[in-house]
């Protein structure tokens, strides 16, 4: 091997090592951001990690998701939400979320995420999200039982929350 080929090979090897190292650093940083988001979920209703920034929203039900969508989208974001039913899932898909974590997710929400290629993780999967008294389906879940279009769900909930 002549010196020119040796230098080319050495440079190529160094570039590969740097690329792998950089990639591993990004993955470690993303994992750390996800852990921070999960921790903040103990205090807040919704945690959004997007473009290296963490935002939090508080409130009950789907209101924090709709409020966030009024200001921004979830494009490329990691989102942690306390409970995700089909209503929240449709809104998150509408906002182009990349990945979601929740302690509790419903089977209809899982279907929404799977149908739209959204990565999700949850501690517990339940059949449905029920209302606060435990007597029936959550009212927001009832409203989307026959809706599968994220844009339609967003328009519905935006209108409902503005009226209340």
N, C-alpha and C. Protein backbone atom coordinates (compact mmCIF):
# COMPACT_ATOMS: atom_id res chain seq x y z
N UNK A 1 0.84 -1.17 0.00
CA UNK A 1 0.00 0.00 0.00
C UNK A 1 0.89 1.24 0.00
N UNK A 2 0.60 2.16 -0.92
CA UNK A 2 1.39 3.38 -0.94
C UNK A 2 0.84 4.39 0.05
N UNK A 3 1.57 5.45 0.26
CA UNK A 3 1.22 6.44 1.29
C UNK A 3 -0.11 7.13 1.01
N UNK A 4 -0.42 7.39 -0.25
CA UNK A 4 -1.68 8.05 -0.62
C UNK A 4 -2.88 7.18 -0.24
N UNK A 5 -2.81 5.89 -0.57
CA UNK A 5 -3.90 4.98 -0.21
C UNK A 5 -4.02 4.84 1.31
N UNK A 6 -2.86 4.81 1.98
CA UNK A 6 -2.87 4.70 3.44
C UNK A 6 -3.57 5.91 4.06
N UNK A 7 -3.28 7.10 3.57
CA UNK A 7 -3.89 8.33 4.10
C UNK A 7 -5.39 8.32 3.80
N UNK A 8 -5.78 7.95 2.59
CA UNK A 8 -7.21 7.89 2.23
C UNK A 8 -7.94 6.91 3.14
N UNK A 9 -7.37 5.75 3.36
CA UNK A 9 -7.99 4.74 4.22
C UNK A 9 -8.09 5.23 5.66
N UNK A 10 -7.03 5.86 6.13
CA UNK A 10 -7.02 6.38 7.51
C UNK A 10 -8.08 7.46 7.70
N UNK A 11 -8.17 8.36 6.75
CA UNK A 11 -9.18 9.42 6.82
C UNK A 11 -10.58 8.82 6.79
N UNK A 12 -10.81 7.85 5.94
CA UNK A 12 -12.12 7.20 5.87
C UNK A 12 -12.48 6.54 7.20
N UNK A 13 -11.52 5.86 7.80
CA UNK A 13 -11.76 5.21 9.09
C UNK A 13 -12.07 6.25 10.16
N UNK A 14 -11.31 7.33 10.19
CA UNK A 14 -11.56 8.40 11.16
C UNK A 14 -12.95 9.00 10.97
N UNK A 15 -13.36 9.23 9.75
CA UNK A 15 -14.69 9.80 9.48
C UNK A 15 -15.80 8.86 9.97
N UNK A 16 -15.63 7.57 9.78
CA UNK A 16 -16.61 6.60 10.26
C UNK A 16 -16.67 6.63 11.79
N UNK A 17 -15.51 6.67 12.43
CA UNK A 17 -15.48 6.72 13.90
C UNK A 17 -16.16 7.99 14.41
N UNK A 18 -15.88 9.12 13.79
CA UNK A 18 -16.52 10.38 14.19
C UNK A 18 -18.04 10.33 13.98
N UNK A 19 -18.47 9.78 12.86
CA UNK A 19 -19.90 9.69 12.57
C UNK A 19 -20.61 8.82 13.59
N UNK A 20 -20.03 7.69 13.92
CA UNK A 20 -20.63 6.78 14.91
C UNK A 20 -20.67 7.45 16.28
N UNK A 21 -19.60 8.10 16.64
CA UNK A 21 -19.52 8.79 17.93
C UNK A 21 -20.56 9.89 18.02
N UNK A 22 -20.68 10.69 16.97
CA UNK A 22 -21.66 11.78 16.92
C UNK A 22 -23.08 11.21 17.00
N UNK A 23 -23.34 10.16 16.27
CA UNK A 23 -24.65 9.52 16.28
C UNK A 23 -25.00 9.01 17.67
N UNK A 24 -24.05 8.39 18.33
CA UNK A 24 -24.28 7.89 19.69
C UNK A 24 -24.56 9.03 20.67
N UNK A 25 -23.89 10.17 20.48
CA UNK A 25 -24.12 11.34 21.33
C UNK A 25 -25.54 11.86 21.15
N UNK A 26 -26.00 11.91 19.91
CA UNK A 26 -27.37 12.38 19.63
C UNK A 26 -28.39 11.44 20.27
N UNK A 27 -28.18 10.14 20.14
CA UNK A 27 -29.10 9.16 20.72
C UNK A 27 -29.13 9.31 22.24
N UNK A 28 -27.98 9.48 22.86
CA UNK A 28 -27.91 9.64 24.31
C UNK A 28 -28.63 10.91 24.75
N UNK A 29 -28.49 11.99 23.98
CA UNK A 29 -29.15 13.25 24.30
C UNK A 29 -30.66 13.11 24.17
N UNK A 30 -31.12 12.45 23.11
CA UNK A 30 -32.55 12.22 22.92
C UNK A 30 -33.12 11.40 24.06
N UNK A 31 -32.41 10.37 24.47
CA UNK A 31 -32.86 9.53 25.58
C UNK A 31 -32.94 10.33 26.87
N UNK A 32 -31.97 11.19 27.10
CA UNK A 32 -31.98 12.04 28.29
C UNK A 32 -33.18 12.99 28.25
N UNK A 33 -33.47 13.58 27.09
CA UNK A 33 -34.63 14.46 26.96
C UNK A 33 -35.93 13.72 27.26
N UNK A 34 -36.03 12.47 26.81
CA UNK A 34 -37.23 11.68 27.07
C UNK A 34 -37.39 11.41 28.56
N UNK A 35 -36.30 11.12 29.23
CA UNK A 35 -36.36 10.86 30.67
C UNK A 35 -36.76 12.13 31.43
N UNK A 36 -36.24 13.28 31.02
CA UNK A 36 -36.62 14.55 31.63
C UNK A 36 -38.11 14.81 31.42
N UNK A 37 -38.60 14.55 30.21
CA UNK A 37 -40.02 14.75 29.91
C UNK A 37 -40.89 13.85 30.79
N UNK A 38 -40.49 12.60 30.96
CA UNK A 38 -41.25 11.68 31.81
C UNK A 38 -41.28 12.16 33.26
N UNK A 39 -40.15 12.68 33.74
CA UNK A 39 -40.11 13.20 35.10
C UNK A 39 -41.01 14.42 35.27
N UNK A 40 -41.01 15.30 34.28
CA UNK A 40 -41.84 16.50 34.36
C UNK A 40 -43.33 16.16 34.31
N UNK A 41 -43.64 14.99 33.78
CA UNK A 41 -45.03 14.56 33.71
C UNK A 41 -45.61 14.32 35.11
N UNK A 42 -44.76 14.18 36.10
CA UNK A 42 -45.24 14.06 37.49
C UNK A 42 -45.87 15.36 37.97
N UNK A 43 -45.46 16.47 37.35
CA UNK A 43 -45.93 17.80 37.78
C UNK A 43 -46.90 18.41 36.77
N UNK A 44 -46.67 18.16 35.49
CA UNK A 44 -47.44 18.81 34.42
C UNK A 44 -48.30 17.80 33.66
N UNK A 45 -49.30 18.31 32.95
CA UNK A 45 -50.21 17.45 32.19
C UNK A 45 -49.62 17.00 30.86
N UNK A 46 -48.86 17.88 30.24
CA UNK A 46 -48.32 17.62 28.91
C UNK A 46 -46.90 18.19 28.85
N UNK A 47 -45.97 17.39 28.35
CA UNK A 47 -44.59 17.83 28.20
C UNK A 47 -44.19 17.59 26.74
N UNK A 48 -43.66 18.64 26.11
CA UNK A 48 -43.28 18.56 24.71
C UNK A 48 -41.79 18.88 24.58
N UNK A 49 -41.04 17.95 24.00
CA UNK A 49 -39.63 18.19 23.71
C UNK A 49 -39.51 18.31 22.20
N UNK A 50 -39.17 19.53 21.76
CA UNK A 50 -39.12 19.81 20.32
C UNK A 50 -37.97 20.76 20.03
N UNK A 51 -37.17 20.40 19.06
CA UNK A 51 -36.05 21.25 18.64
C UNK A 51 -35.14 21.60 19.82
N UNK A 52 -34.93 20.65 20.73
CA UNK A 52 -34.04 20.87 21.86
C UNK A 52 -34.64 21.69 23.00
N UNK A 53 -35.90 22.07 22.87
CA UNK A 53 -36.56 22.87 23.91
C UNK A 53 -37.68 22.06 24.54
N UNK A 54 -37.89 22.27 25.84
CA UNK A 54 -38.96 21.58 26.55
C UNK A 54 -40.04 22.59 26.92
N UNK A 55 -41.29 22.26 26.55
CA UNK A 55 -42.44 23.08 26.90
C UNK A 55 -43.39 22.24 27.74
N UNK A 56 -44.10 22.88 28.64
CA UNK A 56 -45.08 22.17 29.45
C UNK A 56 -46.42 22.89 29.36
N UNK A 57 -47.49 22.10 29.50
CA UNK A 57 -48.85 22.64 29.53
C UNK A 57 -49.59 21.94 30.66
N UNK A 58 -50.50 22.66 31.26
CA UNK A 58 -51.30 22.08 32.33
C UNK A 58 -52.77 22.24 32.01
N UNK A 59 -53.56 21.38 32.58
CA UNK A 59 -55.00 21.41 32.38
C UNK A 59 -55.53 19.99 32.38
N UNK A 60 -56.82 19.88 32.23
CA UNK A 60 -57.47 18.57 32.26
C UNK A 60 -57.87 18.13 30.87
N UNK A 61 -57.92 16.83 30.70
CA UNK A 61 -58.39 16.25 29.44
C UNK A 61 -57.54 16.63 28.25
N UNK A 62 -58.20 16.94 27.15
CA UNK A 62 -57.50 17.25 25.90
C UNK A 62 -57.12 18.72 25.78
N UNK A 63 -57.55 19.54 26.72
CA UNK A 63 -57.30 20.98 26.65
C UNK A 63 -55.83 21.33 26.47
N UNK A 64 -54.89 20.73 27.23
CA UNK A 64 -53.48 21.09 27.00
C UNK A 64 -53.00 20.80 25.58
N UNK A 65 -53.47 19.72 24.98
CA UNK A 65 -53.05 19.38 23.61
C UNK A 65 -53.61 20.42 22.63
N UNK A 66 -54.89 20.76 22.77
CA UNK A 66 -55.50 21.76 21.89
C UNK A 66 -54.83 23.12 22.10
N UNK A 67 -54.58 23.50 23.36
CA UNK A 67 -53.92 24.78 23.64
C UNK A 67 -52.55 24.84 22.97
N UNK A 68 -51.79 23.75 23.04
CA UNK A 68 -50.46 23.73 22.42
C UNK A 68 -50.60 23.88 20.90
N UNK A 69 -51.56 23.18 20.32
CA UNK A 69 -51.77 23.25 18.87
C UNK A 69 -52.20 24.64 18.41
N UNK A 70 -52.79 25.41 19.29
CA UNK A 70 -53.17 26.78 18.93
C UNK A 70 -51.92 27.64 18.69
N UNK A 71 -50.81 27.29 19.36
CA UNK A 71 -49.58 28.07 19.27
C UNK A 71 -48.54 27.47 18.33
N UNK A 72 -48.53 26.13 18.23
CA UNK A 72 -47.45 25.44 17.52
C UNK A 72 -47.96 24.08 17.07
N UNK A 73 -47.09 23.31 16.42
CA UNK A 73 -47.43 21.92 16.09
C UNK A 73 -46.45 21.00 16.82
N UNK A 74 -46.68 19.73 16.71
CA UNK A 74 -45.80 18.75 17.36
C UNK A 74 -44.81 18.14 16.37
N UNK A 75 -44.61 18.79 15.24
CA UNK A 75 -43.79 18.23 14.17
C UNK A 75 -42.40 17.85 14.68
N UNK A 76 -42.11 16.55 14.66
CA UNK A 76 -40.81 16.05 15.09
C UNK A 76 -40.63 15.96 16.60
N UNK A 77 -41.68 16.23 17.36
CA UNK A 77 -41.55 16.29 18.82
C UNK A 77 -41.73 14.94 19.51
N UNK A 78 -41.16 14.88 20.70
CA UNK A 78 -41.45 13.80 21.65
C UNK A 78 -42.42 14.41 22.65
N UNK A 79 -43.55 13.74 22.87
CA UNK A 79 -44.58 14.24 23.77
C UNK A 79 -44.85 13.23 24.87
N UNK A 80 -44.94 13.74 26.09
CA UNK A 80 -45.37 12.91 27.22
C UNK A 80 -46.69 13.50 27.72
N UNK A 81 -47.70 12.64 27.84
CA UNK A 81 -49.04 13.06 28.27
C UNK A 81 -49.53 12.07 29.31
N UNK A 82 -50.23 12.56 30.33
CA UNK A 82 -50.65 11.70 31.45
C UNK A 82 -51.54 10.55 31.03
N UNK A 83 -52.51 10.82 30.16
CA UNK A 83 -53.45 9.80 29.67
C UNK A 83 -53.71 10.09 28.20
N UNK A 84 -53.66 9.05 27.37
CA UNK A 84 -53.94 9.25 25.95
C UNK A 84 -55.03 8.29 25.51
N UNK A 85 -56.15 8.91 25.13
CA UNK A 85 -57.24 8.18 24.50
C UNK A 85 -57.24 8.51 23.02
N UNK A 86 -58.26 8.04 22.34
CA UNK A 86 -58.34 8.27 20.89
C UNK A 86 -58.39 9.75 20.56
N UNK A 87 -59.10 10.55 21.37
CA UNK A 87 -59.21 11.98 21.10
C UNK A 87 -57.82 12.64 21.11
N UNK A 88 -57.05 12.39 22.15
CA UNK A 88 -55.70 12.95 22.23
C UNK A 88 -54.82 12.42 21.11
N UNK A 89 -54.92 11.14 20.83
CA UNK A 89 -54.10 10.54 19.77
C UNK A 89 -54.36 11.21 18.43
N UNK A 90 -55.62 11.43 18.11
CA UNK A 90 -55.96 12.09 16.84
C UNK A 90 -55.36 13.50 16.79
N UNK A 91 -55.43 14.21 17.91
CA UNK A 91 -54.88 15.57 17.95
C UNK A 91 -53.35 15.56 17.81
N UNK A 92 -52.71 14.61 18.47
CA UNK A 92 -51.25 14.52 18.37
C UNK A 92 -50.83 14.16 16.95
N UNK A 93 -51.56 13.27 16.30
CA UNK A 93 -51.27 12.92 14.90
C UNK A 93 -51.51 14.14 14.02
N UNK A 94 -52.58 14.88 14.27
CA UNK A 94 -52.85 16.10 13.51
C UNK A 94 -51.65 17.06 13.60
N UNK A 95 -51.07 17.14 14.78
CA UNK A 95 -49.93 18.03 14.99
C UNK A 95 -48.61 17.46 14.54
N UNK A 96 -48.62 16.27 13.94
CA UNK A 96 -47.44 15.61 13.37
C UNK A 96 -46.41 15.17 14.42
N UNK A 97 -46.89 14.65 15.54
CA UNK A 97 -46.00 14.17 16.59
C UNK A 97 -45.12 13.03 16.07
N UNK A 98 -43.90 12.94 16.58
CA UNK A 98 -42.98 11.88 16.16
C UNK A 98 -43.05 10.69 17.11
N UNK A 99 -43.09 10.98 18.41
CA UNK A 99 -43.07 9.89 19.40
C UNK A 99 -43.80 10.34 20.65
N UNK A 100 -44.45 9.37 21.32
CA UNK A 100 -45.28 9.67 22.48
C UNK A 100 -45.00 8.68 23.61
N UNK A 101 -45.05 9.20 24.83
CA UNK A 101 -45.02 8.35 26.03
C UNK A 101 -46.22 8.73 26.91
N UNK A 102 -46.84 7.74 27.51
CA UNK A 102 -47.91 7.98 28.46
C UNK A 102 -47.97 6.84 29.47
N UNK A 103 -48.35 7.14 30.70
CA UNK A 103 -48.56 6.05 31.65
C UNK A 103 -49.75 5.17 31.26
N UNK A 104 -50.80 5.80 30.67
CA UNK A 104 -52.02 5.07 30.32
C UNK A 104 -52.47 5.44 28.91
N UNK A 105 -52.70 4.40 28.09
CA UNK A 105 -53.18 4.62 26.72
C UNK A 105 -54.33 3.64 26.45
N UNK A 106 -55.28 4.09 25.65
CA UNK A 106 -56.41 3.22 25.29
C UNK A 106 -56.09 2.45 24.01
N UNK A 107 -56.78 1.34 23.83
CA UNK A 107 -56.61 0.55 22.60
C UNK A 107 -56.96 1.34 21.34
N UNK A 108 -58.04 2.15 21.37
CA UNK A 108 -58.31 2.97 20.18
C UNK A 108 -57.18 3.97 19.87
N UNK A 109 -56.53 4.49 20.90
CA UNK A 109 -55.40 5.41 20.69
C UNK A 109 -54.22 4.66 20.07
N UNK A 110 -53.98 3.46 20.55
CA UNK A 110 -52.91 2.63 19.98
C UNK A 110 -53.15 2.44 18.49
N UNK A 111 -54.38 2.15 18.13
CA UNK A 111 -54.72 1.96 16.71
C UNK A 111 -54.44 3.23 15.90
N UNK A 112 -54.82 4.38 16.44
CA UNK A 112 -54.56 5.65 15.74
C UNK A 112 -53.06 5.81 15.51
N UNK A 113 -52.25 5.58 16.54
CA UNK A 113 -50.80 5.73 16.39
C UNK A 113 -50.24 4.72 15.39
N UNK A 114 -50.68 3.48 15.49
CA UNK A 114 -50.17 2.46 14.57
C UNK A 114 -50.58 2.75 13.13
N UNK A 115 -51.82 3.20 12.93
CA UNK A 115 -52.30 3.53 11.58
C UNK A 115 -51.54 4.71 10.97
N UNK A 116 -50.96 5.55 11.84
CA UNK A 116 -50.28 6.75 11.36
C UNK A 116 -48.76 6.71 11.59
N UNK A 117 -48.25 5.50 11.88
CA UNK A 117 -46.80 5.30 12.04
C UNK A 117 -46.17 6.22 13.08
N UNK A 118 -46.83 6.38 14.21
CA UNK A 118 -46.29 7.16 15.32
C UNK A 118 -45.77 6.20 16.37
N UNK A 119 -44.52 6.39 16.80
CA UNK A 119 -43.95 5.56 17.86
C UNK A 119 -44.59 5.96 19.19
N UNK A 120 -44.92 4.96 19.99
CA UNK A 120 -45.51 5.25 21.30
C UNK A 120 -45.01 4.22 22.30
N UNK A 121 -45.05 4.62 23.57
CA UNK A 121 -44.78 3.70 24.66
C UNK A 121 -45.71 4.06 25.80
N UNK A 122 -46.11 3.04 26.54
CA UNK A 122 -47.05 3.25 27.63
C UNK A 122 -46.79 2.22 28.72
N UNK A 123 -47.12 2.60 29.92
CA UNK A 123 -46.99 1.67 31.04
C UNK A 123 -48.17 0.71 31.10
N UNK A 124 -49.33 1.19 30.64
CA UNK A 124 -50.54 0.38 30.74
C UNK A 124 -51.46 0.67 29.55
N UNK A 125 -52.00 -0.40 28.94
CA UNK A 125 -52.97 -0.26 27.86
C UNK A 125 -54.33 -0.69 28.41
N UNK A 126 -55.33 0.19 28.24
CA UNK A 126 -56.68 -0.09 28.71
C UNK A 126 -57.63 -0.15 27.52
N UNK A 127 -58.79 -0.77 27.73
CA UNK A 127 -59.76 -0.86 26.64
C UNK A 127 -60.22 0.52 26.18
N UNK A 128 -60.59 1.37 27.13
CA UNK A 128 -61.08 2.72 26.83
C UNK A 128 -60.75 3.66 27.97
N UNK A 129 -60.79 4.94 27.68
CA UNK A 129 -60.66 5.96 28.73
C UNK A 129 -62.07 6.25 29.22
N UNK A 130 -62.24 6.16 30.53
CA UNK A 130 -63.58 6.39 31.09
C UNK A 130 -63.67 7.78 31.72
N UNK A 131 -64.91 8.18 32.02
CA UNK A 131 -65.12 9.51 32.60
C UNK A 131 -64.62 9.55 34.05
N UNK A 132 -64.62 10.73 34.63
CA UNK A 132 -64.05 10.91 35.97
C UNK A 132 -64.84 10.19 37.06
N UNK A 133 -66.12 9.93 36.82
CA UNK A 133 -66.92 9.22 37.82
C UNK A 133 -66.85 7.70 37.64
N UNK A 134 -66.23 7.27 36.55
CA UNK A 134 -66.07 5.85 36.29
C UNK A 134 -67.34 5.15 35.84
N UNK A 135 -68.29 5.92 35.34
CA UNK A 135 -69.59 5.35 34.98
C UNK A 135 -69.81 5.17 33.47
N UNK A 136 -68.96 5.77 32.65
CA UNK A 136 -69.17 5.73 31.21
C UNK A 136 -67.87 6.11 30.50
N UNK A 137 -67.90 6.07 29.19
CA UNK A 137 -66.76 6.54 28.40
C UNK A 137 -66.51 8.02 28.67
N UNK A 138 -65.27 8.43 28.55
CA UNK A 138 -64.92 9.84 28.61
C UNK A 138 -65.73 10.58 27.54
N UNK A 139 -66.27 11.76 27.86
CA UNK A 139 -67.07 12.49 26.86
C UNK A 139 -66.32 12.79 25.56
N UNK A 140 -65.02 13.08 25.66
CA UNK A 140 -64.24 13.37 24.45
C UNK A 140 -64.05 12.10 23.61
N UNK A 141 -63.94 10.97 24.28
CA UNK A 141 -63.80 9.70 23.55
C UNK A 141 -65.10 9.39 22.80
N UNK A 142 -66.23 9.70 23.43
CA UNK A 142 -67.53 9.49 22.76
C UNK A 142 -67.61 10.30 21.48
N UNK A 143 -67.08 11.52 21.52
CA UNK A 143 -67.18 12.41 20.36
C UNK A 143 -66.37 11.93 19.17
N UNK A 144 -65.34 11.09 19.41
CA UNK A 144 -64.51 10.63 18.29
C UNK A 144 -64.69 9.14 17.99
N UNK A 145 -65.70 8.53 18.57
CA UNK A 145 -65.91 7.10 18.30
C UNK A 145 -65.98 6.80 16.81
N UNK A 146 -66.61 7.69 16.05
CA UNK A 146 -66.78 7.47 14.61
C UNK A 146 -65.93 8.42 13.77
N UNK A 147 -64.89 8.98 14.37
CA UNK A 147 -63.99 9.88 13.64
C UNK A 147 -62.61 9.25 13.59
N UNK A 148 -62.04 9.19 12.39
CA UNK A 148 -60.68 8.68 12.23
C UNK A 148 -59.78 9.71 11.57
N UNK A 149 -60.33 10.86 11.21
CA UNK A 149 -59.58 11.90 10.52
C UNK A 149 -59.04 12.90 11.56
N UNK A 150 -57.72 13.00 11.71
CA UNK A 150 -57.15 13.91 12.70
C UNK A 150 -57.55 15.38 12.52
N UNK A 151 -57.62 15.85 11.29
CA UNK A 151 -57.99 17.25 11.04
C UNK A 151 -59.43 17.50 11.48
N UNK A 152 -60.30 16.58 11.20
CA UNK A 152 -61.70 16.71 11.61
C UNK A 152 -61.82 16.74 13.14
N UNK A 153 -61.04 15.89 13.81
CA UNK A 153 -61.06 15.87 15.28
C UNK A 153 -60.56 17.20 15.83
N UNK A 154 -59.49 17.73 15.26
CA UNK A 154 -58.96 19.02 15.73
C UNK A 154 -59.99 20.13 15.59
N UNK A 155 -60.64 20.22 14.44
CA UNK A 155 -61.65 21.26 14.23
C UNK A 155 -62.80 21.12 15.24
N UNK A 156 -63.22 19.90 15.49
CA UNK A 156 -64.30 19.64 16.44
C UNK A 156 -63.92 20.11 17.84
N UNK A 157 -62.75 19.70 18.32
CA UNK A 157 -62.36 20.04 19.69
C UNK A 157 -61.99 21.50 19.85
N UNK A 158 -61.42 22.10 18.83
CA UNK A 158 -61.11 23.52 18.89
C UNK A 158 -62.39 24.33 19.04
N UNK A 159 -63.40 23.93 18.27
CA UNK A 159 -64.69 24.62 18.36
C UNK A 159 -65.33 24.40 19.73
N UNK A 160 -65.32 23.18 20.21
CA UNK A 160 -65.92 22.86 21.51
C UNK A 160 -65.25 23.63 22.65
N UNK A 161 -63.94 23.69 22.63
CA UNK A 161 -63.23 24.38 23.72
C UNK A 161 -63.40 25.89 23.65
N UNK A 162 -63.56 26.43 22.46
CA UNK A 162 -63.81 27.88 22.34
C UNK A 162 -65.21 28.23 22.85
N UNK A 163 -66.14 27.31 22.68
CA UNK A 163 -67.53 27.55 23.12
C UNK A 163 -67.66 27.45 24.64
N UNK A 164 -66.75 26.70 25.28
CA UNK A 164 -66.91 26.51 26.73
C UNK A 164 -66.24 27.58 27.55
